[in-house]
Amino acid sequence: MTPRDSSDSPDSPRNRWSDLDRPPLSSTALRRGLVRDGGLWRQVDVVQRTGSTNSDLVARAAEGDLAEGVVLVAEEQSAARGRLDRQWTAPARSGLFFSVLLRPAEIPVARWGWLPLLTGVAVATGLSRAAGVDTALKWPNDLLVTVGDEERKAGGILAERAGDDGVVIGVGINVSLRADELPVPRAGSLALAGAVNTDRDPLLRGVLRSLEDWYGRWRSAGGD
């Protein structure tokens, strides 16, 4: 049997930098920018490829006492799911694909239904600031951008229960997706919408900081 060259692995440095327009994310840099004393985000992990960050984080939460504020980011997902179990596919490093674990234990469960809507507002606000592109929401979970004169879906949100006191919220955003890479003609991306910034590191930081702000205000209001 001929040994497989380690550089053929999707995790190898050569493959991770194979598209210079889509550099890899650094978990170290993201932790440095997001994890702070008294803040919501406690851990940021980046994996090269997985089936679904939501499924992974729900499973991790079920295995033990995983603290609120864990963020799991994937450079590529092979089995990502949207609303009604629709599949979400995109080339590696072409977008932001991440999930967060929240534990709003003091908020009545009946009010947790606000979380995906709150996340949508937070994501739209964060992207508008960090990418310089107008964003809109189509309830309950679609993020829209304008490409030409047409509104197109560039992102989605999926919330799932994680045990009795947790919620995992997954977000997928098309960042640098090109026209010939669109899964369907009506899809869009930040790049196609004319974003002034498609660097995923500051985009992810902006979105997570916006989510931290909106989530904190929601908790302070008792989930109202």
C-alpha atoms as a PDB file:
ATOM      1  CA  MET A   1       0.000   0.000   0.000  1.00  0.00           C
ATOM      2  CA  THR A   2       1.375   3.407  -0.951  1.00  0.00           C
ATOM      3  CA  PRO A   3       1.489   5.805   2.012  1.00  0.00           C
ATOM      4  CA  ARG A   4      -0.774   8.804   1.620  1.00  0.00           C
ATOM      5  CA  ASP A   5       1.004  12.135   1.527  1.00  0.00           C
ATOM      6  CA  SER A   6       0.062  14.045   4.706  1.00  0.00           C
ATOM      7  CA  SER A   7      -0.315  17.197   2.618  1.00  0.00           C
ATOM      8  CA  ASP A   8      -3.357  15.592   0.960  1.00  0.00           C
ATOM      9  CA  SER A   9      -5.217  15.785   4.247  1.00  0.00           C
ATOM     10  CA  PRO A  10      -7.852  18.543   4.475  1.00  0.00           C
ATOM     11  CA  ASP A  11      -6.128  19.603   7.703  1.00  0.00           C
ATOM     12  CA  SER A  12      -2.687  20.039   6.124  1.00  0.00           C
ATOM     13  CA  PRO A  13      -1.190  23.555   5.942  1.00  0.00           C
ATOM     14  CA  ARG A  14      -0.952  23.312   2.168  1.00  0.00           C
ATOM     15  CA  ASN A  15      -4.646  22.616   1.709  1.00  0.00           C
ATOM     16  CA  ARG A  16      -5.718  25.086   4.399  1.00  0.00           C
ATOM     17  CA  TRP A  17      -3.976  27.870   2.426  1.00  0.00           C
ATOM     18  CA  SER A  18      -4.895  26.535  -1.027  1.00  0.00           C
ATOM     19  CA  ASP A  19      -7.194  29.512  -1.687  1.00  0.00           C
ATOM     20  CA  LEU A  20      -5.398  32.698  -0.691  1.00  0.00           C
ATOM     21  CA  ASP A  21      -8.654  34.649  -0.902  1.00  0.00           C
ATOM     22  CA  ARG A  22      -9.997  32.422   1.873  1.00  0.00           C
ATOM     23  CA  PRO A  23      -7.391  32.214   4.637  1.00  0.00           C
ATOM     24  CA  PRO A  24      -8.083  29.914   7.592  1.00  0.00           C
ATOM     25  CA  LEU A  25      -9.396  31.162  10.899  1.00  0.00           C
ATOM     26  CA  SER A  26      -7.193  31.076  13.981  1.00  0.00           C
ATOM     27  CA  SER A  27      -8.760  29.848  17.207  1.00  0.00           C
ATOM     28  CA  THR A  28      -5.939  31.504  19.139  1.00  0.00           C
ATOM     29  CA  ALA A  29      -6.610  34.906  17.584  1.00  0.00           C
ATOM     30  CA  LEU A  30     -10.371  34.560  18.055  1.00  0.00           C
ATOM     31  CA  ARG A  31      -9.988  33.613  21.722  1.00  0.00           C
ATOM     32  CA  ARG A  32      -7.699  36.569  22.268  1.00  0.00           C
ATOM     33  CA  GLY A  33     -10.280  38.905  20.782  1.00  0.00           C
ATOM     34  CA  LEU A  34     -13.441  37.424  22.318  1.00  0.00           C
ATOM     35  CA  VAL A  35     -12.715  35.650  25.614  1.00  0.00           C
ATOM     36  CA  ARG A  36     -12.483  38.060  28.546  1.00  0.00           C
ATOM     37  CA  ASP A  37     -13.250  38.139  32.249  1.00  0.00           C
ATOM     38  CA  GLY A  38     -16.933  38.787  32.842  1.00  0.00           C
ATOM     39  CA  GLY A  39     -17.801  38.216  29.186  1.00  0.00           C
ATOM     40  CA  LEU A  40     -20.181  35.680  27.668  1.00  0.00           C
ATOM     41  CA  TRP A  41     -17.704  33.834  25.468  1.00  0.00           C
ATOM     42  CA  ARG A  42     -15.518  31.403  27.386  1.00  0.00           C
ATOM     43  CA  GLN A  43     -14.136  29.099  24.722  1.00  0.00           C
ATOM     44  CA  VAL A  44     -13.713  29.330  20.948  1.00  0.00           C
ATOM     45  CA  ASP A  45     -12.748  26.213  18.988  1.00  0.00           C
ATOM     46  CA  VAL A  46     -12.123  26.016  15.241  1.00  0.00           C
ATOM     47  CA  VAL A  47     -12.260  22.675  13.418  1.00  0.00           C
ATOM     48  CA  GLN A  48     -11.329  22.145   9.796  1.00  0.00           C
ATOM     49  CA  ARG A  49     -14.302  19.974   8.846  1.00  0.00           C
ATOM     50  CA  THR A  50     -17.283  18.401  10.552  1.00  0.00           C
ATOM     51  CA  GLY A  51     -20.777  17.246   9.784  1.00  0.00           C
ATOM     52  CA  SER A  52     -22.639  19.902  11.753  1.00  0.00           C
ATOM     53  CA  THR A  53     -21.435  22.273  14.453  1.00  0.00           C
ATOM     54  CA  ASN A  54     -24.924  22.217  15.949  1.00  0.00           C
ATOM     55  CA  SER A  55     -24.959  18.430  16.232  1.00  0.00           C
ATOM     56  CA  ASP A  56     -21.442  18.405  17.662  1.00  0.00           C
ATOM     57  CA  LEU A  57     -22.179  21.019  20.298  1.00  0.00           C
ATOM     58  CA  VAL A  58     -25.497  19.440  21.312  1.00  0.00           C
ATOM     59  CA  ALA A  59     -23.662  16.118  21.760  1.00  0.00           C
ATOM     60  CA  ARG A  60     -20.878  17.739  23.789  1.00  0.00           C
ATOM     61  CA  ALA A  61     -23.422  19.467  26.015  1.00  0.00           C
ATOM     62  CA  ALA A  62     -25.155  16.132  26.628  1.00  0.00           C
ATOM     63  CA  GLU A  63     -21.892  14.407  27.580  1.00  0.00           C
ATOM     64  CA  GLY A  64     -21.061  16.607  30.539  1.00  0.00           C
ATOM     65  CA  ASP A  65     -21.170  19.950  32.263  1.00  0.00           C
ATOM     66  CA  LEU A  66     -20.286  22.183  29.334  1.00  0.00           C
ATOM     67  CA  ALA A  67     -20.379  25.826  30.355  1.00  0.00           C
ATOM     68  CA  GLU A  68     -22.371  28.533  28.651  1.00  0.00           C
ATOM     69  CA  GLY A  69     -20.435  30.576  26.149  1.00  0.00           C
ATOM     70  CA  VAL A  70     -18.729  27.821  24.135  1.00  0.00           C
ATOM     71  CA  VAL A  71     -18.351  28.653  20.437  1.00  0.00           C
ATOM     72  CA  LEU A  72     -17.642  25.965  17.850  1.00  0.00           C
ATOM     73  CA  VAL A  73     -16.585  27.107  14.374  1.00  0.00           C
ATOM     74  CA  ALA A  74     -16.075  24.900  11.312  1.00  0.00           C
ATOM     75  CA  GLU A  75     -14.186  25.823   8.178  1.00  0.00           C
ATOM     76  CA  GLU A  76     -16.420  23.379   6.301  1.00  0.00           C
ATOM     77  CA  GLN A  77     -19.564  21.392   7.097  1.00  0.00           C
ATOM     78  CA  SER A  78     -20.665  18.254   5.284  1.00  0.00           C
ATOM     79  CA  ALA A  79     -24.080  17.770   6.909  1.00  0.00           C
ATOM     80  CA  ALA A  80     -25.211  21.232   7.950  1.00  0.00           C
ATOM     81  CA  ARG A  81     -28.934  21.633   8.437  1.00  0.00           C
ATOM     82  CA  GLY A  82     -31.263  24.543   8.042  1.00  0.00           C
ATOM     83  CA  ARG A  83     -34.889  24.956   8.928  1.00  0.00           C
ATOM     84  CA  LEU A  84     -37.081  21.906   8.159  1.00  0.00           C
ATOM     85  CA  ASP A  85     -33.863  19.828   7.897  1.00  0.00           C
ATOM     86  CA  ARG A  86     -32.877  21.451   4.602  1.00  0.00           C
ATOM     87  CA  GLN A  87     -29.204  20.939   3.765  1.00  0.00           C
ATOM     88  CA  TRP A  88     -26.736  23.822   3.753  1.00  0.00           C
ATOM     89  CA  THR A  89     -23.583  23.350   1.678  1.00  0.00           C
ATOM     90  CA  ALA A  90     -20.725  25.714   0.820  1.00  0.00           C
ATOM     91  CA  PRO A  91     -17.046  25.442  -0.155  1.00  0.00           C
ATOM     92  CA  ALA A  92     -14.465  25.339   2.623  1.00  0.00           C
ATOM     93  CA  ARG A  93     -13.680  28.711   4.211  1.00  0.00           C
ATOM     94  CA  SER A  94     -16.242  30.498   2.031  1.00  0.00           C
ATOM     95  CA  GLY A  95     -18.410  31.489   4.968  1.00  0.00           C
ATOM     96  CA  LEU A  96     -18.949  31.572   8.700  1.00  0.00           C
ATOM     97  CA  PHE A  97     -20.355  28.316  10.068  1.00  0.00           C
ATOM     98  CA  PHE A  98     -20.589  28.259  13.840  1.00  0.00           C
ATOM     99  CA  SER A  99     -22.706  27.308  16.846  1.00  0.00           C
ATOM    100  CA  VAL A 100     -22.889  28.702  20.367  1.00  0.00           C
ATOM    101  CA  LEU A 101     -24.118  27.194  23.626  1.00  0.00           C
ATOM    102  CA  LEU A 102     -26.379  29.360  25.793  1.00  0.00           C
ATOM    103  CA  ARG A 103     -27.847  28.499  29.188  1.00  0.00           C
ATOM    104  CA  PRO A 104     -30.451  31.139  30.115  1.00  0.00           C
ATOM    105  CA  ALA A 105     -31.465  29.170  33.217  1.00  0.00           C
ATOM    106  CA  GLU A 106     -33.172  32.093  34.947  1.00  0.00           C
ATOM    107  CA  ILE A 107     -35.444  32.799  31.956  1.00  0.00           C
ATOM    108  CA  PRO A 108     -38.759  30.886  31.717  1.00  0.00           C
ATOM    109  CA  VAL A 109     -38.538  28.253  28.995  1.00  0.00           C
ATOM    110  CA  ALA A 110     -41.668  29.678  27.398  1.00  0.00           C
ATOM    111  CA  ARG A 111     -39.622  32.748  26.463  1.00  0.00           C
ATOM    112  CA  TRP A 112     -36.711  30.867  24.884  1.00  0.00           C
ATOM    113  CA  GLY A 113     -38.487  31.058  21.547  1.00  0.00           C
ATOM    114  CA  TRP A 114     -37.181  34.613  21.293  1.00  0.00           C
ATOM    115  CA  LEU A 115     -33.589  33.367  21.015  1.00  0.00           C
ATOM    116  CA  PRO A 116     -33.449  32.601  17.264  1.00  0.00           C
ATOM    117  CA  LEU A 117     -35.192  35.917  16.528  1.00  0.00           C
ATOM    118  CA  LEU A 118     -32.821  37.766  18.845  1.00  0.00           C
ATOM    119  CA  THR A 119     -29.899  36.036  17.143  1.00  0.00           C
ATOM    120  CA  GLY A 120     -31.145  37.155  13.744  1.00  0.00           C
ATOM    121  CA  VAL A 121     -31.215  40.785  14.843  1.00  0.00           C
ATOM    122  CA  ALA A 122     -27.770  40.439  16.425  1.00  0.00           C
ATOM    123  CA  VAL A 123     -26.253  38.838  13.316  1.00  0.00           C
ATOM    124  CA  ALA A 124     -27.782  41.414  10.976  1.00  0.00           C
ATOM    125  CA  THR A 125     -26.587  44.262  13.181  1.00  0.00           C
ATOM    126  CA  GLY A 126     -23.089  42.843  13.538  1.00  0.00           C
ATOM    127  CA  LEU A 127     -22.690  42.226   9.805  1.00  0.00           C
ATOM    128  CA  SER A 128     -23.996  45.654   8.856  1.00  0.00           C
ATOM    129  CA  ARG A 129     -21.280  47.206  10.985  1.00  0.00           C
ATOM    130  CA  ALA A 130     -18.410  44.833  10.183  1.00  0.00           C
ATOM    131  CA  ALA A 131     -19.097  44.184   6.481  1.00  0.00           C
ATOM    132  CA  GLY A 132     -20.627  47.512   5.526  1.00  0.00           C
ATOM    133  CA  VAL A 133     -23.524  45.838   3.747  1.00  0.00           C
ATOM    134  CA  ASP A 134     -27.250  46.329   4.303  1.00  0.00           C
ATOM    135  CA  THR A 135     -28.900  43.252   5.738  1.00  0.00           C
ATOM    136  CA  ALA A 136     -32.523  42.317   6.270  1.00  0.00           C
ATOM    137  CA  LEU A 137     -34.341  39.486   8.021  1.00  0.00           C
ATOM    138  CA  LYS A 138     -37.039  37.192   6.742  1.00  0.00           C
ATOM    139  CA  TRP A 139     -38.599  35.671   9.829  1.00  0.00           C
ATOM    140  CA  PRO A 140     -38.017  33.395  11.411  1.00  0.00           C
ATOM    141  CA  ASN A 141     -34.433  32.653  10.458  1.00  0.00           C
ATOM    142  CA  ASP A 142     -33.230  33.931   7.070  1.00  0.00           C
ATOM    143  CA  LEU A 143     -30.607  36.644   6.609  1.00  0.00           C
ATOM    144  CA  LEU A 144     -31.051  38.576   3.358  1.00  0.00           C
ATOM    145  CA  VAL A 145     -28.697  40.793   1.369  1.00  0.00           C
ATOM    146  CA  THR A 146     -29.334  42.748  -1.819  1.00  0.00           C
ATOM    147  CA  VAL A 147     -27.530  41.552  -4.945  1.00  0.00           C
ATOM    148  CA  GLY A 148     -28.260  43.881  -7.824  1.00  0.00           C
ATOM    149  CA  ASP A 149     -31.895  44.771  -7.252  1.00  0.00           C
ATOM    150  CA  GLU A 150     -32.876  41.430  -5.712  1.00  0.00           C
ATOM    151  CA  GLU A 151     -32.970  40.318  -2.090  1.00  0.00           C
ATOM    152  CA  ARG A 152     -31.243  36.970  -1.670  1.00  0.00           C
ATOM    153  CA  LYS A 153     -30.684  34.631   1.251  1.00  0.00           C
ATOM    154  CA  ALA A 154     -27.094  34.773   2.515  1.00  0.00           C
ATOM    155  CA  GLY A 155     -27.496  33.149   5.906  1.00  0.00           C
ATOM    156  CA  GLY A 156     -29.638  31.126   8.247  1.00  0.00           C
ATOM    157  CA  ILE A 157     -30.135  30.369  11.926  1.00  0.00           C
ATOM    158  CA  LEU A 158     -31.094  27.119  13.636  1.00  0.00           C
ATOM    159  CA  ALA A 159     -31.794  26.720  17.383  1.00  0.00           C
ATOM    160  CA  GLU A 160     -31.904  23.358  19.176  1.00  0.00           C
ATOM    161  CA  ARG A 161     -32.422  22.359  22.799  1.00  0.00           C
ATOM    162  CA  ALA A 162     -29.381  20.982  24.588  1.00  0.00           C
ATOM    163  CA  GLY A 163     -30.582  19.146  27.655  1.00  0.00           C
ATOM    164  CA  ASP A 164     -32.921  20.739  30.166  1.00  0.00           C
ATOM    165  CA  ASP A 165     -31.186  24.084  30.537  1.00  0.00           C
ATOM    166  CA  GLY A 166     -29.328  24.742  27.309  1.00  0.00           C
ATOM    167  CA  VAL A 167     -29.873  25.981  23.767  1.00  0.00           C
ATOM    168  CA  VAL A 168     -27.461  25.591  20.874  1.00  0.00           C
ATOM    169  CA  ILE A 169     -27.833  28.201  18.174  1.00  0.00           C
ATOM    170  CA  GLY A 170     -26.196  27.602  14.815  1.00  0.00           C
ATOM    171  CA  VAL A 171     -25.453  30.300  12.268  1.00  0.00           C
ATOM    172  CA  GLY A 172     -24.373  29.934   8.662  1.00  0.00           C
ATOM    173  CA  ILE A 173     -23.376  32.961   6.579  1.00  0.00           C
ATOM    174  CA  ASN A 174     -22.165  33.002   2.978  1.00  0.00           C
ATOM    175  CA  VAL A 175     -19.225  35.407   2.978  1.00  0.00           C
ATOM    176  CA  SER A 176     -17.039  35.061  -0.131  1.00  0.00           C
ATOM    177  CA  LEU A 177     -19.257  32.729  -2.168  1.00  0.00           C
ATOM    178  CA  ARG A 178     -18.918  33.491  -5.892  1.00  0.00           C
ATOM    179  CA  ALA A 179     -21.718  33.456  -8.435  1.00  0.00           C
ATOM    180  CA  ASP A 180     -20.578  30.131  -9.931  1.00  0.00           C
ATOM    181  CA  GLU A 181     -20.536  28.552  -6.444  1.00  0.00           C
ATOM    182  CA  LEU A 182     -24.111  29.396  -5.460  1.00  0.00           C
ATOM    183  CA  PRO A 183     -26.113  26.289  -4.491  1.00  0.00           C
ATOM    184  CA  VAL A 184     -29.219  27.847  -6.039  1.00  0.00           C
ATOM    185  CA  PRO A 185     -29.603  30.984  -8.194  1.00  0.00           C
ATOM    186  CA  ARG A 186     -31.582  32.829  -5.501  1.00  0.00           C
ATOM    187  CA  ALA A 187     -28.776  32.488  -2.935  1.00  0.00           C
ATOM    188  CA  GLY A 188     -26.419  35.343  -2.128  1.00  0.00           C
ATOM    189  CA  SER A 189     -23.278  36.233  -0.226  1.00  0.00           C
ATOM    190  CA  LEU A 190     -21.697  39.244   1.399  1.00  0.00           C
ATOM    191  CA  ALA A 191     -19.186  39.479  -1.447  1.00  0.00           C
ATOM    192  CA  LEU A 192     -21.899  39.476  -4.106  1.00  0.00           C
ATOM    193  CA  ALA A 193     -23.740  42.172  -2.126  1.00  0.00           C
ATOM    194  CA  GLY A 194     -20.688  44.449  -2.326  1.00  0.00           C
ATOM    195  CA  ALA A 195     -19.373  44.062   1.226  1.00  0.00           C
ATOM    196  CA  VAL A 196     -16.420  46.310   2.007  1.00  0.00           C
ATOM    197  CA  ASN A 197     -14.923  43.573   4.169  1.00  0.00           C
ATOM    198  CA  THR A 198     -14.966  39.797   3.649  1.00  0.00           C
ATOM    199  CA  ASP A 199     -12.271  38.970   6.198  1.00  0.00           C
ATOM    200  CA  ARG A 200     -14.005  36.324   8.294  1.00  0.00           C
ATOM    201  CA  ASP A 201     -12.057  37.003  11.496  1.00  0.00           C
ATOM    202  CA  PRO A 202     -13.396  40.539  12.130  1.00  0.00           C
ATOM    203  CA  LEU A 203     -16.796  39.522  10.758  1.00  0.00           C
ATOM    204  CA  LEU A 204     -17.102  36.683  13.270  1.00  0.00           C
ATOM    205  CA  ARG A 205     -15.903  38.884  16.103  1.00  0.00           C
ATOM    206  CA  GLY A 206     -18.437  41.550  15.162  1.00  0.00           C
ATOM    207  CA  VAL A 207     -21.308  39.059  15.032  1.00  0.00           C
ATOM    208  CA  LEU A 208     -20.411  37.416  18.354  1.00  0.00           C
ATOM    209  CA  ARG A 209     -19.986  40.748  20.127  1.00  0.00           C
ATOM    210  CA  SER A 210     -23.358  41.862  18.802  1.00  0.00           C
ATOM    211  CA  LEU A 211     -24.949  38.592  19.974  1.00  0.00           C
ATOM    212  CA  GLU A 212     -23.377  39.013  23.414  1.00  0.00           C
ATOM    213  CA  ASP A 213     -24.877  42.496  23.663  1.00  0.00           C
ATOM    214  CA  TRP A 214     -28.388  41.517  22.552  1.00  0.00           C
ATOM    215  CA  TYR A 215     -28.407  38.346  24.673  1.00  0.00           C
ATOM    216  CA  GLY A 216     -27.305  40.287  27.732  1.00  0.00           C
ATOM    217  CA  ARG A 217     -30.074  42.848  27.284  1.00  0.00           C
ATOM    218  CA  TRP A 218     -32.663  40.087  26.761  1.00  0.00           C
ATOM    219  CA  ARG A 219     -31.601  38.383  29.991  1.00  0.00           C
ATOM    220  CA  SER A 220     -31.626  41.658  31.874  1.00  0.00           C
ATOM    221  CA  ALA A 221     -35.231  42.152  30.748  1.00  0.00           C
ATOM    222  CA  GLY A 222     -36.245  38.711  32.032  1.00  0.00           C
ATOM    223  CA  GLY A 223     -36.538  37.281  28.540  1.00  0.00           C
ATOM    224  CA  ASP A 224     -39.050  39.892  27.403  1.00  0.00           C
END
